[in-house]
């Protein structure tokens, strides 16, 4: 899932070299943290958070086979 978030984020931002994705696993829960440059934060979040919601939806759909709860946090 980490790679999926990284590919999506790098396609959205102007500075793809500054995209850093980390993941933390605790049992059946996983938290994926997405770090982007401050100037690219609006592009990743989108108007009214629509792009952020779309990223979370794609990740949840991809993780449904693994039966794991994944949260994506944009830091």
N, C-alpha and C. Protein backbone atom coordinates (compact mmCIF):
# COMPACT_ATOMS: atom_id res chain seq x y z
N UNK A 1 0.81 -1.20 0.00
CA UNK A 1 0.00 0.00 0.00
C UNK A 1 0.86 1.26 0.00
N UNK A 2 2.01 1.16 0.63
CA UNK A 2 2.93 2.30 0.69
C UNK A 2 3.30 2.76 -0.71
N UNK A 3 3.58 1.81 -1.58
CA UNK A 3 3.97 2.13 -2.95
C UNK A 3 2.82 2.79 -3.71
N UNK A 4 1.60 2.34 -3.48
CA UNK A 4 0.43 2.90 -4.15
C UNK A 4 0.26 4.37 -3.79
N UNK A 5 0.35 4.68 -2.51
CA UNK A 5 0.22 6.07 -2.06
C UNK A 5 1.34 6.92 -2.63
N UNK A 6 2.54 6.38 -2.68
CA UNK A 6 3.69 7.12 -3.20
C UNK A 6 3.52 7.43 -4.68
N UNK A 7 3.05 6.49 -5.47
CA UNK A 7 2.83 6.71 -6.90
C UNK A 7 1.77 7.77 -7.14
N UNK A 8 0.67 7.69 -6.39
CA UNK A 8 -0.41 8.67 -6.55
C UNK A 8 0.08 10.06 -6.17
N UNK A 9 0.79 10.17 -5.05
CA UNK A 9 1.25 11.47 -4.57
C UNK A 9 2.26 12.09 -5.52
N UNK A 10 3.18 11.30 -6.04
CA UNK A 10 4.20 11.84 -6.94
C UNK A 10 3.58 12.34 -8.25
N UNK A 11 2.46 11.75 -8.65
CA UNK A 11 1.79 12.20 -9.86
C UNK A 11 1.07 13.53 -9.65
N UNK A 12 0.75 13.86 -8.41
CA UNK A 12 -0.02 15.07 -8.12
C UNK A 12 0.83 16.31 -7.86
N UNK A 13 2.02 16.13 -7.33
CA UNK A 13 2.79 17.27 -6.82
C UNK A 13 3.78 17.82 -7.85
N UNK A 14 4.28 19.04 -7.58
CA UNK A 14 5.31 19.66 -8.42
C UNK A 14 6.71 19.19 -8.03
N UNK A 15 6.89 18.81 -6.77
CA UNK A 15 8.20 18.37 -6.27
C UNK A 15 8.14 16.90 -5.86
N UNK A 16 8.19 15.98 -6.82
CA UNK A 16 8.06 14.56 -6.47
C UNK A 16 9.23 14.02 -5.65
N UNK A 17 10.37 14.72 -5.66
CA UNK A 17 11.51 14.26 -4.88
C UNK A 17 11.29 14.44 -3.37
N UNK A 18 10.37 15.32 -3.01
CA UNK A 18 10.12 15.59 -1.60
C UNK A 18 8.98 14.77 -1.01
N UNK A 19 8.46 13.83 -1.78
CA UNK A 19 7.39 12.96 -1.29
C UNK A 19 8.02 11.83 -0.48
N UNK A 20 7.58 11.70 0.77
CA UNK A 20 8.06 10.64 1.64
C UNK A 20 6.85 9.93 2.22
N UNK A 21 6.83 8.61 2.10
CA UNK A 21 5.72 7.81 2.61
C UNK A 21 6.28 6.82 3.63
N UNK A 22 5.67 6.77 4.80
CA UNK A 22 6.07 5.81 5.82
C UNK A 22 4.84 5.08 6.32
N UNK A 23 5.05 3.87 6.81
CA UNK A 23 3.91 3.10 7.31
C UNK A 23 4.23 2.52 8.68
N UNK A 24 3.20 2.45 9.51
CA UNK A 24 3.31 1.89 10.84
C UNK A 24 2.21 0.84 10.99
N UNK A 25 2.58 -0.34 11.41
CA UNK A 25 1.62 -1.42 11.56
C UNK A 25 1.46 -1.79 13.02
N UNK A 26 0.21 -1.88 13.45
CA UNK A 26 -0.11 -2.30 14.80
C UNK A 26 -1.23 -3.34 14.72
N UNK A 27 -0.89 -4.59 14.72
CA UNK A 27 -1.89 -5.64 14.60
C UNK A 27 -2.55 -5.62 13.24
N UNK A 28 -3.87 -5.43 13.20
CA UNK A 28 -4.60 -5.38 11.93
C UNK A 28 -4.81 -3.95 11.45
N UNK A 29 -4.19 -3.00 12.12
CA UNK A 29 -4.31 -1.59 11.73
C UNK A 29 -2.99 -1.11 11.17
N UNK A 30 -3.07 -0.34 10.09
CA UNK A 30 -1.89 0.24 9.48
C UNK A 30 -2.14 1.72 9.25
N UNK A 31 -1.13 2.54 9.56
CA UNK A 31 -1.21 3.97 9.32
C UNK A 31 -0.14 4.32 8.30
N UNK A 32 -0.56 4.93 7.20
CA UNK A 32 0.37 5.37 6.17
C UNK A 32 0.44 6.88 6.26
N UNK A 33 1.66 7.39 6.49
CA UNK A 33 1.87 8.83 6.60
C UNK A 33 2.48 9.35 5.31
N UNK A 34 1.88 10.38 4.76
CA UNK A 34 2.34 10.99 3.52
C UNK A 34 2.88 12.37 3.83
N UNK A 35 4.17 12.57 3.55
CA UNK A 35 4.82 13.86 3.76
C UNK A 35 5.12 14.46 2.40
N UNK A 36 4.67 15.69 2.17
CA UNK A 36 4.94 16.41 0.93
C UNK A 36 5.47 17.80 1.27
N UNK A 37 6.01 18.49 0.28
CA UNK A 37 6.48 19.85 0.47
C UNK A 37 5.30 20.75 0.84
N UNK A 38 5.57 21.80 1.59
CA UNK A 38 4.51 22.70 2.03
C UNK A 38 3.78 23.34 0.85
N UNK A 39 4.50 23.59 -0.23
CA UNK A 39 3.87 24.21 -1.40
C UNK A 39 2.95 23.24 -2.14
N UNK A 40 3.12 21.95 -1.92
CA UNK A 40 2.30 20.94 -2.59
C UNK A 40 1.15 20.42 -1.73
N UNK A 41 1.05 20.91 -0.52
CA UNK A 41 0.03 20.40 0.39
C UNK A 41 -1.38 20.58 -0.16
N UNK A 42 -1.66 21.72 -0.75
CA UNK A 42 -2.99 21.98 -1.31
C UNK A 42 -3.33 21.06 -2.47
N UNK A 43 -2.33 20.67 -3.24
CA UNK A 43 -2.58 19.79 -4.38
C UNK A 43 -2.92 18.38 -3.93
N UNK A 44 -2.36 17.96 -2.80
CA UNK A 44 -2.63 16.62 -2.30
C UNK A 44 -3.97 16.57 -1.57
N UNK A 45 -4.32 17.66 -0.90
CA UNK A 45 -5.58 17.70 -0.16
C UNK A 45 -6.74 18.02 -1.09
N UNK A 46 -6.58 18.98 -1.98
CA UNK A 46 -7.64 19.34 -2.92
C UNK A 46 -8.69 20.22 -2.29
N UNK A 47 -9.60 20.72 -3.11
CA UNK A 47 -10.67 21.57 -2.62
C UNK A 47 -11.61 20.75 -1.74
N UNK A 48 -11.84 21.25 -0.55
CA UNK A 48 -12.70 20.61 0.44
C UNK A 48 -12.26 19.18 0.74
N UNK A 49 -10.98 18.88 0.53
CA UNK A 49 -10.44 17.57 0.85
C UNK A 49 -10.81 16.45 -0.10
N UNK A 50 -11.25 16.80 -1.29
CA UNK A 50 -11.72 15.78 -2.23
C UNK A 50 -10.62 14.83 -2.69
N UNK A 51 -9.43 15.37 -2.96
CA UNK A 51 -8.35 14.50 -3.44
C UNK A 51 -7.88 13.59 -2.31
N UNK A 52 -7.79 14.13 -1.10
CA UNK A 52 -7.41 13.31 0.05
C UNK A 52 -8.42 12.18 0.27
N UNK A 53 -9.70 12.48 0.16
CA UNK A 53 -10.73 11.45 0.30
C UNK A 53 -10.60 10.40 -0.79
N UNK A 54 -10.28 10.84 -2.01
CA UNK A 54 -10.13 9.89 -3.12
C UNK A 54 -8.94 8.96 -2.89
N UNK A 55 -7.84 9.51 -2.39
CA UNK A 55 -6.66 8.69 -2.09
C UNK A 55 -7.01 7.65 -1.03
N UNK A 56 -7.71 8.10 0.00
CA UNK A 56 -8.10 7.16 1.07
C UNK A 56 -9.04 6.08 0.55
N UNK A 57 -9.95 6.45 -0.34
CA UNK A 57 -10.89 5.47 -0.90
C UNK A 57 -10.17 4.42 -1.73
N UNK A 58 -9.21 4.85 -2.55
CA UNK A 58 -8.46 3.91 -3.38
C UNK A 58 -7.66 2.95 -2.51
N UNK A 59 -7.04 3.47 -1.46
CA UNK A 59 -6.24 2.62 -0.58
C UNK A 59 -7.13 1.64 0.17
N UNK A 60 -8.28 2.08 0.65
CA UNK A 60 -9.20 1.18 1.34
C UNK A 60 -9.71 0.08 0.42
N UNK A 61 -9.99 0.43 -0.84
CA UNK A 61 -10.45 -0.56 -1.79
C UNK A 61 -9.35 -1.58 -2.08
N UNK A 62 -8.13 -1.12 -2.21
CA UNK A 62 -7.02 -2.02 -2.49
C UNK A 62 -6.70 -2.90 -1.29
N UNK A 63 -6.97 -2.41 -0.09
CA UNK A 63 -6.63 -3.19 1.11
C UNK A 63 -7.76 -4.12 1.55
N UNK A 64 -8.89 -4.08 0.89
CA UNK A 64 -10.03 -4.91 1.32
C UNK A 64 -9.73 -6.40 1.20
N UNK A 65 -8.89 -6.79 0.27
CA UNK A 65 -8.53 -8.20 0.12
C UNK A 65 -7.67 -8.69 1.29
N UNK A 66 -6.85 -7.79 1.83
CA UNK A 66 -5.94 -8.17 2.90
C UNK A 66 -6.59 -8.16 4.28
N UNK A 67 -7.82 -7.68 4.36
CA UNK A 67 -8.56 -7.60 5.63
C UNK A 67 -7.77 -6.85 6.69
N UNK A 68 -7.28 -5.68 6.28
CA UNK A 68 -6.51 -4.81 7.16
C UNK A 68 -7.15 -3.43 7.14
N UNK A 69 -7.16 -2.74 8.26
CA UNK A 69 -7.67 -1.37 8.31
C UNK A 69 -6.50 -0.43 8.06
N UNK A 70 -6.63 0.38 7.01
CA UNK A 70 -5.56 1.31 6.66
C UNK A 70 -6.07 2.73 6.73
N UNK A 71 -5.32 3.58 7.41
CA UNK A 71 -5.61 5.00 7.49
C UNK A 71 -4.48 5.74 6.79
N UNK A 72 -4.82 6.73 5.97
CA UNK A 72 -3.83 7.56 5.31
C UNK A 72 -3.86 8.92 5.96
N UNK A 73 -2.71 9.35 6.48
CA UNK A 73 -2.59 10.66 7.10
C UNK A 73 -1.65 11.51 6.27
N UNK A 74 -2.09 12.71 5.95
CA UNK A 74 -1.26 13.65 5.20
C UNK A 74 -0.64 14.61 6.21
N UNK A 75 0.67 14.55 6.31
CA UNK A 75 1.39 15.33 7.33
C UNK A 75 2.09 16.49 6.69
